[in-house]
C-alpha atoms as a PDB file:
ATOM      1  CA  MET A   1     -22.480   0.621 -23.296  1.00  0.00           C
ATOM      2  CA  THR A   2     -20.302  -0.673 -20.440  1.00  0.00           C
ATOM      3  CA  THR A   3     -20.131   0.809 -16.950  1.00  0.00           C
ATOM      4  CA  HIS A   4     -16.544   1.123 -15.728  1.00  0.00           C
ATOM      5  CA  VAL A   5     -15.252   1.871 -12.250  1.00  0.00           C
ATOM      6  CA  LEU A   6     -12.147   4.056 -12.209  1.00  0.00           C
ATOM      7  CA  ARG A   7      -9.368   3.090  -9.844  1.00  0.00           C
ATOM      8  CA  PRO A   8      -7.614   5.974  -8.073  1.00  0.00           C
ATOM      9  CA  THR A   9      -3.986   6.001  -7.059  1.00  0.00           C
ATOM     10  CA  ARG A  10      -3.269   5.413  -3.368  1.00  0.00           C
ATOM     11  CA  SER A  11      -2.282   9.049  -2.885  1.00  0.00           C
ATOM     12  CA  GLU A  12      -5.471  10.477  -4.315  1.00  0.00           C
ATOM     13  CA  SER A  13      -8.624  11.259  -2.412  1.00  0.00           C
ATOM     14  CA  LEU A  14     -11.539  10.345  -4.638  1.00  0.00           C
ATOM     15  CA  PRO A  15     -14.816  10.098  -2.737  1.00  0.00           C
ATOM     16  CA  GLU A  16     -16.635   9.323  -5.965  1.00  0.00           C
ATOM     17  CA  ALA A  17     -14.437   6.311  -6.689  1.00  0.00           C
ATOM     18  CA  ALA A  18     -14.488   5.225  -3.068  1.00  0.00           C
ATOM     19  CA  SER A  19     -18.253   4.915  -3.168  1.00  0.00           C
ATOM     20  CA  ALA A  20     -18.272   3.224  -6.570  1.00  0.00           C
ATOM     21  CA  GLY A  21     -20.079  -0.041  -7.075  1.00  0.00           C
ATOM     22  CA  ILE A  22     -19.162  -3.367  -5.561  1.00  0.00           C
ATOM     23  CA  TYR A  23     -21.788  -5.545  -7.114  1.00  0.00           C
ATOM     24  CA  VAL A  24     -22.821  -8.927  -5.709  1.00  0.00           C
ATOM     25  CA  ARG A  25     -24.856 -11.206  -7.936  1.00  0.00           C
ATOM     26  CA  PRO A  26     -28.359 -11.764  -6.508  1.00  0.00           C
ATOM     27  CA  VAL A  27     -27.859 -15.546  -6.506  1.00  0.00           C
ATOM     28  CA  ALA A  28     -24.988 -15.201  -4.010  1.00  0.00           C
ATOM     29  CA  TYR A  29     -27.446 -14.413  -1.217  1.00  0.00           C
ATOM     30  CA  PRO A  30     -29.648 -17.544  -1.358  1.00  0.00           C
ATOM     31  CA  LEU A  31     -26.578 -19.684  -2.048  1.00  0.00           C
ATOM     32  CA  SER A  32     -24.771 -18.400   1.037  1.00  0.00           C
ATOM     33  CA  ILE A  33     -27.896 -18.578   3.205  1.00  0.00           C
ATOM     34  CA  SER A  34     -28.308 -22.204   2.109  1.00  0.00           C
ATOM     35  CA  LEU A  35     -24.605 -22.787   2.814  1.00  0.00           C
ATOM     36  CA  ALA A  36     -25.014 -21.351   6.315  1.00  0.00           C
ATOM     37  CA  ALA A  37     -28.054 -23.542   7.033  1.00  0.00           C
ATOM     38  CA  THR A  38     -26.370 -26.670   5.674  1.00  0.00           C
ATOM     39  CA  THR A  39     -23.207 -25.958   7.654  1.00  0.00           C
ATOM     40  CA  LEU A  40     -25.211 -25.560  10.856  1.00  0.00           C
ATOM     41  CA  ILE A  41     -26.769 -28.967  10.232  1.00  0.00           C
ATOM     42  CA  GLY A  42     -23.601 -30.803   9.196  1.00  0.00           C
ATOM     43  CA  ALA A  43     -21.114 -29.173  11.543  1.00  0.00           C
ATOM     44  CA  GLY A  44     -23.589 -28.718  14.383  1.00  0.00           C
ATOM     45  CA  LEU A  45     -24.711 -32.337  14.420  1.00  0.00           C
ATOM     46  CA  SER A  46     -21.109 -33.520  14.101  1.00  0.00           C
ATOM     47  CA  PHE A  47     -20.395 -31.604  17.315  1.00  0.00           C
ATOM     48  CA  LEU A  48     -23.590 -32.498  19.186  1.00  0.00           C
ATOM     49  CA  LEU A  49     -23.881 -36.169  18.171  1.00  0.00           C
ATOM     50  CA  PRO A  50     -20.407 -37.754  18.422  1.00  0.00           C
ATOM     51  CA  ASP A  51     -21.909 -41.250  18.077  1.00  0.00           C
ATOM     52  CA  LEU A  52     -22.455 -40.428  14.388  1.00  0.00           C
ATOM     53  CA  LEU A  53     -18.686 -40.248  13.898  1.00  0.00           C
ATOM     54  CA  GLY A  54     -16.915 -43.520  13.273  1.00  0.00           C
ATOM     55  CA  GLY A  55     -13.254 -42.592  13.472  1.00  0.00           C
ATOM     56  CA  PRO A  56     -10.660 -42.985  16.231  1.00  0.00           C
ATOM     57  CA  ASP A  57     -11.381 -40.985  19.390  1.00  0.00           C
ATOM     58  CA  VAL A  58      -8.738 -38.374  18.637  1.00  0.00           C
ATOM     59  CA  MET A  59     -10.135 -37.743  15.150  1.00  0.00           C
ATOM     60  CA  ASN A  60     -13.713 -37.607  16.420  1.00  0.00           C
ATOM     61  CA  GLY A  61     -12.655 -35.032  18.993  1.00  0.00           C
ATOM     62  CA  SER A  62     -10.987 -32.951  16.308  1.00  0.00           C
ATOM     63  CA  VAL A  63     -14.042 -33.122  14.056  1.00  0.00           C
ATOM     64  CA  ARG A  64     -16.234 -31.995  16.937  1.00  0.00           C
ATOM     65  CA  GLY A  65     -13.921 -29.032  17.553  1.00  0.00           C
ATOM     66  CA  THR A  66     -14.157 -28.039  13.907  1.00  0.00           C
ATOM     67  CA  GLY A  67     -17.933 -28.403  13.989  1.00  0.00           C
ATOM     68  CA  LEU A  68     -18.120 -26.169  17.060  1.00  0.00           C
ATOM     69  CA  ILE A  69     -16.197 -23.283  15.467  1.00  0.00           C
ATOM     70  CA  LEU A  70     -18.027 -23.549  12.152  1.00  0.00           C
ATOM     71  CA  SER A  71     -21.364 -23.374  13.973  1.00  0.00           C
ATOM     72  CA  ALA A  72     -20.493 -20.776  16.599  1.00  0.00           C
ATOM     73  CA  VAL A  73     -18.088 -18.504  14.690  1.00  0.00           C
ATOM     74  CA  THR A  74     -17.986 -18.992  10.913  1.00  0.00           C
ATOM     75  CA  VAL A  75     -21.708 -19.175  10.186  1.00  0.00           C
ATOM     76  CA  PRO A  76     -22.653 -16.183  12.390  1.00  0.00           C
ATOM     77  CA  ALA A  77     -19.787 -14.194  10.841  1.00  0.00           C
ATOM     78  CA  MET A  78     -21.009 -15.090   7.345  1.00  0.00           C
ATOM     79  CA  LEU A  79     -24.600 -14.071   8.049  1.00  0.00           C
ATOM     80  CA  ALA A  80     -23.539 -10.815   9.717  1.00  0.00           C
ATOM     81  CA  ALA A  81     -21.199 -10.054   6.803  1.00  0.00           C
ATOM     82  CA  MET A  82     -24.021 -10.619   4.297  1.00  0.00           C
ATOM     83  CA  TRP A  83     -26.255  -8.244   6.256  1.00  0.00           C
ATOM     84  CA  PHE A  84     -23.689  -5.432   6.375  1.00  0.00           C
ATOM     85  CA  ALA A  85     -22.451  -6.061   2.828  1.00  0.00           C
ATOM     86  CA  ALA A  86     -25.969  -5.525   1.493  1.00  0.00           C
ATOM     87  CA  ARG A  87     -25.901  -2.147   3.256  1.00  0.00           C
ATOM     88  CA  GLY A  88     -22.693  -0.915   1.707  1.00  0.00           C
ATOM     89  CA  SER A  89     -19.804  -2.300   3.767  1.00  0.00           C
ATOM     90  CA  THR A  90     -16.699  -3.196   1.782  1.00  0.00           C
ATOM     91  CA  VAL A  91     -15.135  -4.798   4.863  1.00  0.00           C
ATOM     92  CA  ALA A  92     -18.177  -7.036   5.216  1.00  0.00           C
ATOM     93  CA  SER A  93     -17.954  -8.152   1.595  1.00  0.00           C
ATOM     94  CA  LEU A  94     -14.381  -9.381   2.175  1.00  0.00           C
ATOM     95  CA  VAL A  95     -15.368 -11.067   5.450  1.00  0.00           C
ATOM     96  CA  TRP A  96     -18.194 -12.790   3.557  1.00  0.00           C
ATOM     97  CA  VAL A  97     -15.746 -14.219   1.012  1.00  0.00           C
ATOM     98  CA  GLY A  98     -13.389 -15.305   3.808  1.00  0.00           C
ATOM     99  CA  ALA A  99     -16.171 -17.063   5.717  1.00  0.00           C
ATOM    100  CA  VAL A 100     -17.318 -18.925   2.590  1.00  0.00           C
ATOM    101  CA  ALA A 101     -13.699 -19.945   1.958  1.00  0.00           C
ATOM    102  CA  HIS A 102     -13.438 -21.316   5.483  1.00  0.00           C
ATOM    103  CA  VAL A 103     -16.560 -23.475   5.090  1.00  0.00           C
ATOM    104  CA  LEU A 104     -15.320 -24.681   1.703  1.00  0.00           C
ATOM    105  CA  TYR A 105     -11.924 -25.586   3.191  1.00  0.00           C
ATOM    106  CA  GLN A 106     -13.512 -27.509   6.051  1.00  0.00           C
ATOM    107  CA  SER A 107     -16.025 -29.276   3.805  1.00  0.00           C
ATOM    108  CA  VAL A 108     -13.118 -31.122   2.180  1.00  0.00           C
ATOM    109  CA  LEU A 109     -11.954 -32.301   5.593  1.00  0.00           C
ATOM    110  CA  PHE A 110     -15.452 -33.447   6.552  1.00  0.00           C
ATOM    111  CA  LEU A 111     -15.756 -35.356   3.277  1.00  0.00           C
ATOM    112  CA  PHE A 112     -12.337 -37.021   3.225  1.00  0.00           C
ATOM    113  CA  GLY A 113     -11.244 -36.959   6.866  1.00  0.00           C
ATOM    114  CA  THR A 114     -14.441 -38.298   8.447  1.00  0.00           C
ATOM    115  CA  PRO A 115     -15.566 -41.918   7.960  1.00  0.00           C
ATOM    116  CA  PHE A 116     -18.741 -42.304   5.906  1.00  0.00           C
ATOM    117  CA  ASN A 117     -21.782 -41.638   8.072  1.00  0.00           C
ATOM    118  CA  GLU A 118     -25.396 -40.462   7.984  1.00  0.00           C
ATOM    119  CA  LEU A 119     -24.280 -36.862   7.397  1.00  0.00           C
ATOM    120  CA  PHE A 120     -22.291 -37.620   4.228  1.00  0.00           C
ATOM    121  CA  LEU A 121     -24.762 -35.931   1.869  1.00  0.00           C
ATOM    122  CA  VAL A 122     -24.895 -32.897   4.151  1.00  0.00           C
ATOM    123  CA  TYR A 123     -21.098 -32.655   3.905  1.00  0.00           C
ATOM    124  CA  VAL A 124     -21.440 -32.931   0.120  1.00  0.00           C
ATOM    125  CA  ALA A 125     -23.973 -30.095   0.160  1.00  0.00           C
ATOM    126  CA  MET A 126     -21.552 -27.974   2.194  1.00  0.00           C
ATOM    127  CA  GLY A 127     -18.919 -28.480  -0.502  1.00  0.00           C
ATOM    128  CA  VAL A 128     -21.254 -27.831  -3.431  1.00  0.00           C
ATOM    129  CA  LEU A 129     -22.825 -24.733  -1.887  1.00  0.00           C
ATOM    130  CA  GLY A 130     -19.393 -23.512  -0.786  1.00  0.00           C
ATOM    131  CA  ILE A 131     -18.040 -23.769  -4.331  1.00  0.00           C
ATOM    132  CA  TRP A 132     -20.997 -22.025  -5.940  1.00  0.00           C
ATOM    133  CA  SER A 133     -21.246 -19.363  -3.253  1.00  0.00           C
ATOM    134  CA  ALA A 134     -17.593 -18.527  -3.929  1.00  0.00           C
ATOM    135  CA  VAL A 135     -18.169 -18.521  -7.687  1.00  0.00           C
ATOM    136  CA  ALA A 136     -21.208 -16.251  -7.383  1.00  0.00           C
ATOM    137  CA  LEU A 137     -19.386 -13.860  -5.056  1.00  0.00           C
ATOM    138  CA  LEU A 138     -16.184 -13.609  -7.056  1.00  0.00           C
ATOM    139  CA  ALA A 139     -17.888 -13.496 -10.448  1.00  0.00           C
ATOM    140  CA  GLY A 140     -19.859 -10.418  -9.455  1.00  0.00           C
ATOM    141  CA  LEU A 141     -17.261  -8.702  -7.298  1.00  0.00           C
ATOM    142  CA  ASP A 142     -15.634  -5.619  -8.838  1.00  0.00           C
ATOM    143  CA  ALA A 143     -12.046  -5.823  -7.590  1.00  0.00           C
ATOM    144  CA  GLU A 144     -11.278  -2.338  -8.900  1.00  0.00           C
ATOM    145  CA  ALA A 145     -14.124  -0.917  -6.824  1.00  0.00           C
ATOM    146  CA  VAL A 146     -12.803  -2.670  -3.718  1.00  0.00           C
ATOM    147  CA  THR A 147      -9.358  -1.208  -4.426  1.00  0.00           C
ATOM    148  CA  ALA A 148     -10.882   2.246  -4.808  1.00  0.00           C
ATOM    149  CA  ARG A 149     -11.898   2.039  -1.168  1.00  0.00           C
ATOM    150  CA  ILE A 150      -8.349   1.369   0.066  1.00  0.00           C
ATOM    151  CA  THR A 151      -7.084   4.486   1.854  1.00  0.00           C
ATOM    152  CA  PRO A 152      -3.522   5.792   1.412  1.00  0.00           C
ATOM    153  CA  GLY A 153      -0.953   4.417   3.806  1.00  0.00           C
ATOM    154  CA  MET A 154      -1.627   0.689   3.660  1.00  0.00           C
ATOM    155  CA  GLN A 155       1.670  -1.147   4.090  1.00  0.00           C
ATOM    156  CA  ARG A 156       0.863  -3.704   1.422  1.00  0.00           C
ATOM    157  CA  LYS A 157       4.427  -5.019   0.954  1.00  0.00           C
ATOM    158  CA  PRO A 158       4.940  -5.971   4.635  1.00  0.00           C
ATOM    159  CA  ILE A 159       1.531  -7.672   4.575  1.00  0.00           C
ATOM    160  CA  ALA A 160       2.539  -9.581   1.427  1.00  0.00           C
ATOM    161  CA  ILE A 161       5.815 -10.611   3.070  1.00  0.00           C
ATOM    162  CA  TYR A 162       3.917 -11.847   6.123  1.00  0.00           C
ATOM    163  CA  VAL A 163       1.671 -13.977   3.891  1.00  0.00           C
ATOM    164  CA  TRP A 164       4.676 -15.430   2.039  1.00  0.00           C
ATOM    165  CA  VAL A 165       6.419 -16.283   5.318  1.00  0.00           C
ATOM    166  CA  VAL A 166       3.346 -18.126   6.631  1.00  0.00           C
ATOM    167  CA  VAL A 167       2.860 -19.901   3.286  1.00  0.00           C
ATOM    168  CA  ALA A 168       6.524 -20.964   3.164  1.00  0.00           C
ATOM    169  CA  LEU A 169       6.589 -22.191   6.777  1.00  0.00           C
ATOM    170  CA  ASN A 170       3.308 -24.060   6.316  1.00  0.00           C
ATOM    171  CA  ALA A 171       4.473 -25.690   3.076  1.00  0.00           C
ATOM    172  CA  LEU A 172       7.830 -26.666   4.602  1.00  0.00           C
ATOM    173  CA  ALA A 173       6.112 -28.136   7.658  1.00  0.00           C
ATOM    174  CA  TRP A 174       3.923 -30.352   5.488  1.00  0.00           C
ATOM    175  CA  LEU A 175       6.694 -31.315   3.056  1.00  0.00           C
ATOM    176  CA  ALA A 176       9.003 -32.216   5.954  1.00  0.00           C
ATOM    177  CA  ARG A 177       6.423 -34.817   6.960  1.00  0.00           C
ATOM    178  CA  VAL A 178       5.514 -35.983   3.447  1.00  0.00           C
ATOM    179  CA  VAL A 179       8.864 -36.314   1.656  1.00  0.00           C
ATOM    180  CA  PRO A 180      10.525 -38.779   4.082  1.00  0.00           C
ATOM    181  CA  GLU A 181       7.443 -41.016   3.856  1.00  0.00           C
ATOM    182  CA  LEU A 182       7.080 -41.150   0.069  1.00  0.00           C
ATOM    183  CA  ALA A 183       8.417 -44.701  -0.116  1.00  0.00           C
ATOM    184  CA  SER A 184       6.684 -45.885   3.064  1.00  0.00           C
ATOM    185  CA  ASP A 185       3.818 -48.372   3.078  1.00  0.00           C
ATOM    186  CA  GLU A 186       2.490 -46.830   6.298  1.00  0.00           C
ATOM    187  CA  PRO A 187       3.380 -43.128   6.564  1.00  0.00           C
ATOM    188  CA  ALA A 188       3.979 -42.033  10.147  1.00  0.00           C
ATOM    189  CA  PHE A 189       1.646 -39.050   9.794  1.00  0.00           C
ATOM    190  CA  LEU A 190      -1.311 -41.396   9.154  1.00  0.00           C
ATOM    191  CA  VAL A 191      -0.762 -43.655  12.182  1.00  0.00           C
ATOM    192  CA  GLY A 192      -3.685 -43.334  14.569  1.00  0.00           C
ATOM    193  CA  THR A 193      -5.852 -41.335  12.157  1.00  0.00           C
ATOM    194  CA  GLY A 194      -7.709 -44.136  10.364  1.00  0.00           C
ATOM    195  CA  LEU A 195      -7.064 -42.288   7.072  1.00  0.00           C
ATOM    196  CA  SER A 196      -5.521 -43.478   3.805  1.00  0.00           C
ATOM    197  CA  THR A 197      -4.138 -39.998   3.063  1.00  0.00           C
ATOM    198  CA  ASN A 198      -4.097 -36.610   4.769  1.00  0.00           C
ATOM    199  CA  PRO A 199      -6.757 -34.246   3.356  1.00  0.00           C
ATOM    200  CA  VAL A 200      -5.135 -31.268   5.119  1.00  0.00           C
ATOM    201  CA  PHE A 201      -1.966 -31.750   3.069  1.00  0.00           C
ATOM    202  CA  VAL A 202      -4.050 -32.119  -0.103  1.00  0.00           C
ATOM    203  CA  ASN A 203      -6.135 -29.030   0.665  1.00  0.00           C
ATOM    204  CA  ASP A 204      -3.208 -26.793   1.572  1.00  0.00           C
ATOM    205  CA  LEU A 205      -0.607 -27.855  -0.988  1.00  0.00           C
ATOM    206  CA  THR A 206      -2.911 -27.975  -4.020  1.00  0.00           C
ATOM    207  CA  ILE A 207      -5.252 -25.007  -3.463  1.00  0.00           C
ATOM    208  CA  TRP A 208      -4.917 -22.662  -0.513  1.00  0.00           C
ATOM    209  CA  LEU A 209      -1.177 -22.099  -0.113  1.00  0.00           C
ATOM    210  CA  PRO A 210      -0.631 -21.458  -3.851  1.00  0.00           C
ATOM    211  CA  LEU A 211      -3.659 -19.135  -3.886  1.00  0.00           C
ATOM    212  CA  MET A 212      -2.324 -17.149  -0.929  1.00  0.00           C
ATOM    213  CA  ALA A 213       1.164 -16.932  -2.463  1.00  0.00           C
ATOM    214  CA  ILE A 214      -0.261 -15.612  -5.745  1.00  0.00           C
ATOM    215  CA  GLY A 215      -2.563 -13.214  -3.907  1.00  0.00           C
ATOM    216  CA  ALA A 216       0.423 -11.829  -1.986  1.00  0.00           C
ATOM    217  CA  TRP A 217       2.229 -11.276  -5.294  1.00  0.00           C
ATOM    218  CA  TRP A 218      -0.770  -9.391  -6.654  1.00  0.00           C
ATOM    219  CA  LEU A 219      -0.858  -7.296  -3.472  1.00  0.00           C
ATOM    220  CA  TRP A 220       2.884  -6.583  -3.723  1.00  0.00           C
ATOM    221  CA  ARG A 221       2.321  -5.432  -7.322  1.00  0.00           C
ATOM    222  CA  ASP A 222      -0.680  -3.290  -6.269  1.00  0.00           C
ATOM    223  CA  ARG A 223      -3.085  -5.369  -8.349  1.00  0.00           C
ATOM    224  CA  ALA A 224      -6.797  -5.096  -7.576  1.00  0.00           C
ATOM    225  CA  TRP A 225      -7.345  -8.814  -7.002  1.00  0.00           C
ATOM    226  CA  GLY A 226      -4.492  -8.832  -4.517  1.00  0.00           C
ATOM    227  CA  TYR A 227      -6.538  -6.691  -2.136  1.00  0.00           C
ATOM    228  CA  VAL A 228      -9.600  -8.926  -2.534  1.00  0.00           C
ATOM    229  CA  THR A 229      -7.675 -12.200  -2.183  1.00  0.00           C
ATOM    230  CA  ILE A 230      -5.507 -11.234   0.767  1.00  0.00           C
ATOM    231  CA  GLY A 231      -8.311  -9.422   2.599  1.00  0.00           C
ATOM    232  CA  ALA A 232     -10.512 -12.516   2.396  1.00  0.00           C
ATOM    233  CA  MET A 233      -7.687 -14.956   3.141  1.00  0.00           C
ATOM    234  CA  LEU A 234      -6.552 -13.041   6.246  1.00  0.00           C
ATOM    235  CA  VAL A 235     -10.102 -13.485   7.546  1.00  0.00           C
ATOM    236  CA  MET A 236     -10.057 -17.169   6.659  1.00  0.00           C
ATOM    237  CA  TRP A 237      -6.660 -17.634   8.329  1.00  0.00           C
ATOM    238  CA  GLN A 238      -7.885 -15.991  11.506  1.00  0.00           C
ATOM    239  CA  VAL A 239     -10.883 -18.275  11.815  1.00  0.00           C
ATOM    240  CA  GLU A 240      -8.879 -21.322  10.730  1.00  0.00           C
ATOM    241  CA  ALA A 241      -6.229 -20.703  13.402  1.00  0.00           C
ATOM    242  CA  VAL A 242      -8.982 -20.643  16.038  1.00  0.00           C
ATOM    243  CA  THR A 243     -10.476 -23.805  14.506  1.00  0.00           C
ATOM    244  CA  VAL A 244      -7.217 -25.747  14.629  1.00  0.00           C
ATOM    245  CA  ALA A 245      -6.528 -24.613  18.199  1.00  0.00           C
ATOM    246  CA  VAL A 246      -9.947 -25.883  19.294  1.00  0.00           C
ATOM    247  CA  ASP A 247      -9.854 -29.134  17.316  1.00  0.00           C
ATOM    248  CA  GLN A 248      -6.362 -29.897  18.658  1.00  0.00           C
ATOM    249  CA  TRP A 249      -7.582 -29.253  22.208  1.00  0.00           C
ATOM    250  CA  MET A 250     -10.719 -31.361  21.817  1.00  0.00           C
ATOM    251  CA  GLY A 251      -8.870 -34.140  19.997  1.00  0.00           C
ATOM    252  CA  SER A 252      -6.225 -34.286  22.702  1.00  0.00           C
ATOM    253  CA  ASN A 253      -8.886 -34.384  25.407  1.00  0.00           C
ATOM    254  CA  ALA A 254     -10.651 -37.230  23.604  1.00  0.00           C
ATOM    255  CA  ASP A 255      -7.427 -39.284  23.512  1.00  0.00           C
ATOM    256  CA  PRO A 256      -4.554 -37.847  25.580  1.00  0.00           C
ATOM    257  CA  SER A 257      -2.261 -40.707  24.514  1.00  0.00           C
ATOM    258  CA  SER A 258      -2.420 -39.761  20.813  1.00  0.00           C
ATOM    259  CA  ASP A 259       0.100 -37.486  19.139  1.00  0.00           C
ATOM    260  CA  VAL A 260      -2.304 -36.713  16.260  1.00  0.00           C
ATOM    261  CA  ALA A 261      -3.811 -33.876  18.314  1.00  0.00           C
ATOM    262  CA  THR A 262      -1.902 -32.392  21.241  1.00  0.00           C
ATOM    263  CA  MET A 263      -2.066 -29.556  23.744  1.00  0.00           C
ATOM    264  CA  ALA A 264       1.180 -28.284  22.223  1.00  0.00           C
ATOM    265  CA  GLY A 265      -0.595 -28.089  18.867  1.00  0.00           C
ATOM    266  CA  ALA A 266      -3.460 -26.197  20.481  1.00  0.00           C
ATOM    267  CA  SER A 267      -1.017 -23.741  22.070  1.00  0.00           C
ATOM    268  CA  LEU A 268       0.788 -23.238  18.757  1.00  0.00           C
ATOM    269  CA  PHE A 269      -2.412 -22.241  17.014  1.00  0.00           C
ATOM    270  CA  VAL A 270      -3.475 -19.961  19.839  1.00  0.00           C
ATOM    271  CA  ALA A 271      -0.170 -18.200  19.145  1.00  0.00           C
ATOM    272  CA  MET A 272      -0.915 -18.196  15.403  1.00  0.00           C
ATOM    273  CA  THR A 273      -4.298 -16.621  16.124  1.00  0.00           C
ATOM    274  CA  LEU A 274      -2.586 -13.785  17.988  1.00  0.00           C
ATOM    275  CA  ILE A 275       0.189 -13.397  15.390  1.00  0.00           C
ATOM    276  CA  ASN A 276      -2.367 -12.952  12.601  1.00  0.00           C
ATOM    277  CA  VAL A 277      -4.185 -10.099  14.370  1.00  0.00           C
ATOM    278  CA  PRO A 278      -1.714  -7.255  13.551  1.00  0.00           C
ATOM    279  CA  PRO A 279      -1.600  -7.876   9.758  1.00  0.00           C
ATOM    280  CA  LEU A 280      -5.375  -8.401   9.737  1.00  0.00           C
ATOM    281  CA  LEU A 281      -5.917  -5.050  11.460  1.00  0.00           C
ATOM    282  CA  ALA A 282      -3.213  -3.387   9.351  1.00  0.00           C
ATOM    283  CA  PHE A 283      -5.140  -4.406   6.246  1.00  0.00           C
ATOM    284  CA  PHE A 284      -8.700  -3.642   7.301  1.00  0.00           C
ATOM    285  CA  ARG A 285      -7.965  -0.304   8.980  1.00  0.00           C
ATOM    286  CA  HIS A 286      -7.240   0.995   5.474  1.00  0.00           C
ATOM    287  CA  VAL A 287     -10.513  -0.202   3.920  1.00  0.00           C
ATOM    288  CA  ARG A 288     -13.185   2.504   3.787  1.00  0.00           C
ATOM    289  CA  ARG A 289     -16.435   1.461   5.385  1.00  0.00           C
ATOM    290  CA  THR A 290     -18.444   3.391   2.820  1.00  0.00           C
ATOM    291  CA  ARG A 291     -22.196   2.952   2.747  1.00  0.00           C
ATOM    292  CA  GLY A 292     -23.934   3.221  -0.553  1.00  0.00           C
ATOM    293  CA  VAL A 293     -27.188   2.148  -2.158  1.00  0.00           C
ATOM    294  CA  THR A 294     -29.054  -0.359  -0.020  1.00  0.00           C
ATOM    295  CA  GLY A 295     -30.407  -3.395  -1.796  1.00  0.00           C
ATOM    296  CA  ALA A 296     -30.364  -7.136  -1.911  1.00  0.00           C
ATOM    297  CA  THR A 297     -28.247  -7.243  -5.029  1.00  0.00           C
ATOM    298  CA  SER A 298     -25.739  -4.472  -4.505  1.00  0.00           C
ATOM    299  CA  ILE A 299     -22.978  -3.305  -2.289  1.00  0.00           C
ATOM    300  CA  GLY A 300     -23.014   0.363  -2.979  1.00  0.00           C
ATOM    301  CA  ALA A 301     -24.019   0.445  -6.637  1.00  0.00           C
ATOM    302  CA  VAL A 302     -25.966  -0.863  -9.576  1.00  0.00           C
ATOM    303  CA  PRO A 303     -24.523  -3.879 -11.395  1.00  0.00           C
ATOM    304  CA  PRO A 304     -22.221  -3.496 -14.395  1.00  0.00           C
ATOM    305  CA  SER A 305     -24.164  -3.853 -17.639  1.00  0.00           C
ATOM    306  CA  SER A 306     -23.547  -3.741 -21.326  1.00  0.00           C
ATOM    307  CA  SER A 307     -25.643  -3.188 -24.373  1.00  0.00           C
END
């Protein structure tokens, strides 16, 4: 026998469906707690002990900025989201996924954008725990149950358009730098970085921008996973915009002569932080904050089972 969660239409008021189960696998909790602890060590020490970093001054400053936001914003947000998710908050469950995604994104940059140092295995652990935390969360998450808690009136198509616009502008910005340098022995975007390739371009163009574009399509089509993907990614974008603003500011302060990190870049991402607030609020104001069964393995319900 299989337990199913019915999905209501947006115009219906179904309290029963709205409080239906959003199950989180038990293993997601220790994985994410371990991820939080590892991130505090890796990111925190990268911020506090700059002598561990062996890159150019501008890159070291940027890494320290990233470490600061991961330690002071992302990890606390993740732990708070886990606490409230275990007590029935759908919003918190999406914030949890977004925070894990942000650590996973940054772990790639620590691994491939930071010269090998004593924290290398900690960075590896951040990546491994980030991957498996995401797998555990998404494997147990009932997207239909999340969708059942979306209230009528969400302007999903404008939110999807916003995501596509940001994805397109981001992709064009990176491609405008990459394409002219394809035949170059020393690409201009690598000068002063000490890198052999740009892990930000790799991260964005291969994983995150395509994921966000597909998620926006699912949201446009009113598909359950569209609400999960875009809800989590709007959270990730918000924290990432703050991260880039801070790492640009700290990188520029570390080496004002470098154009790898600039005050203009910091200002741009402060603006991006503010621009992302309206769609973020427009999404989450339509997610019911229903409380359900309290427990370490559930967000509002017992797990799906079959026999």
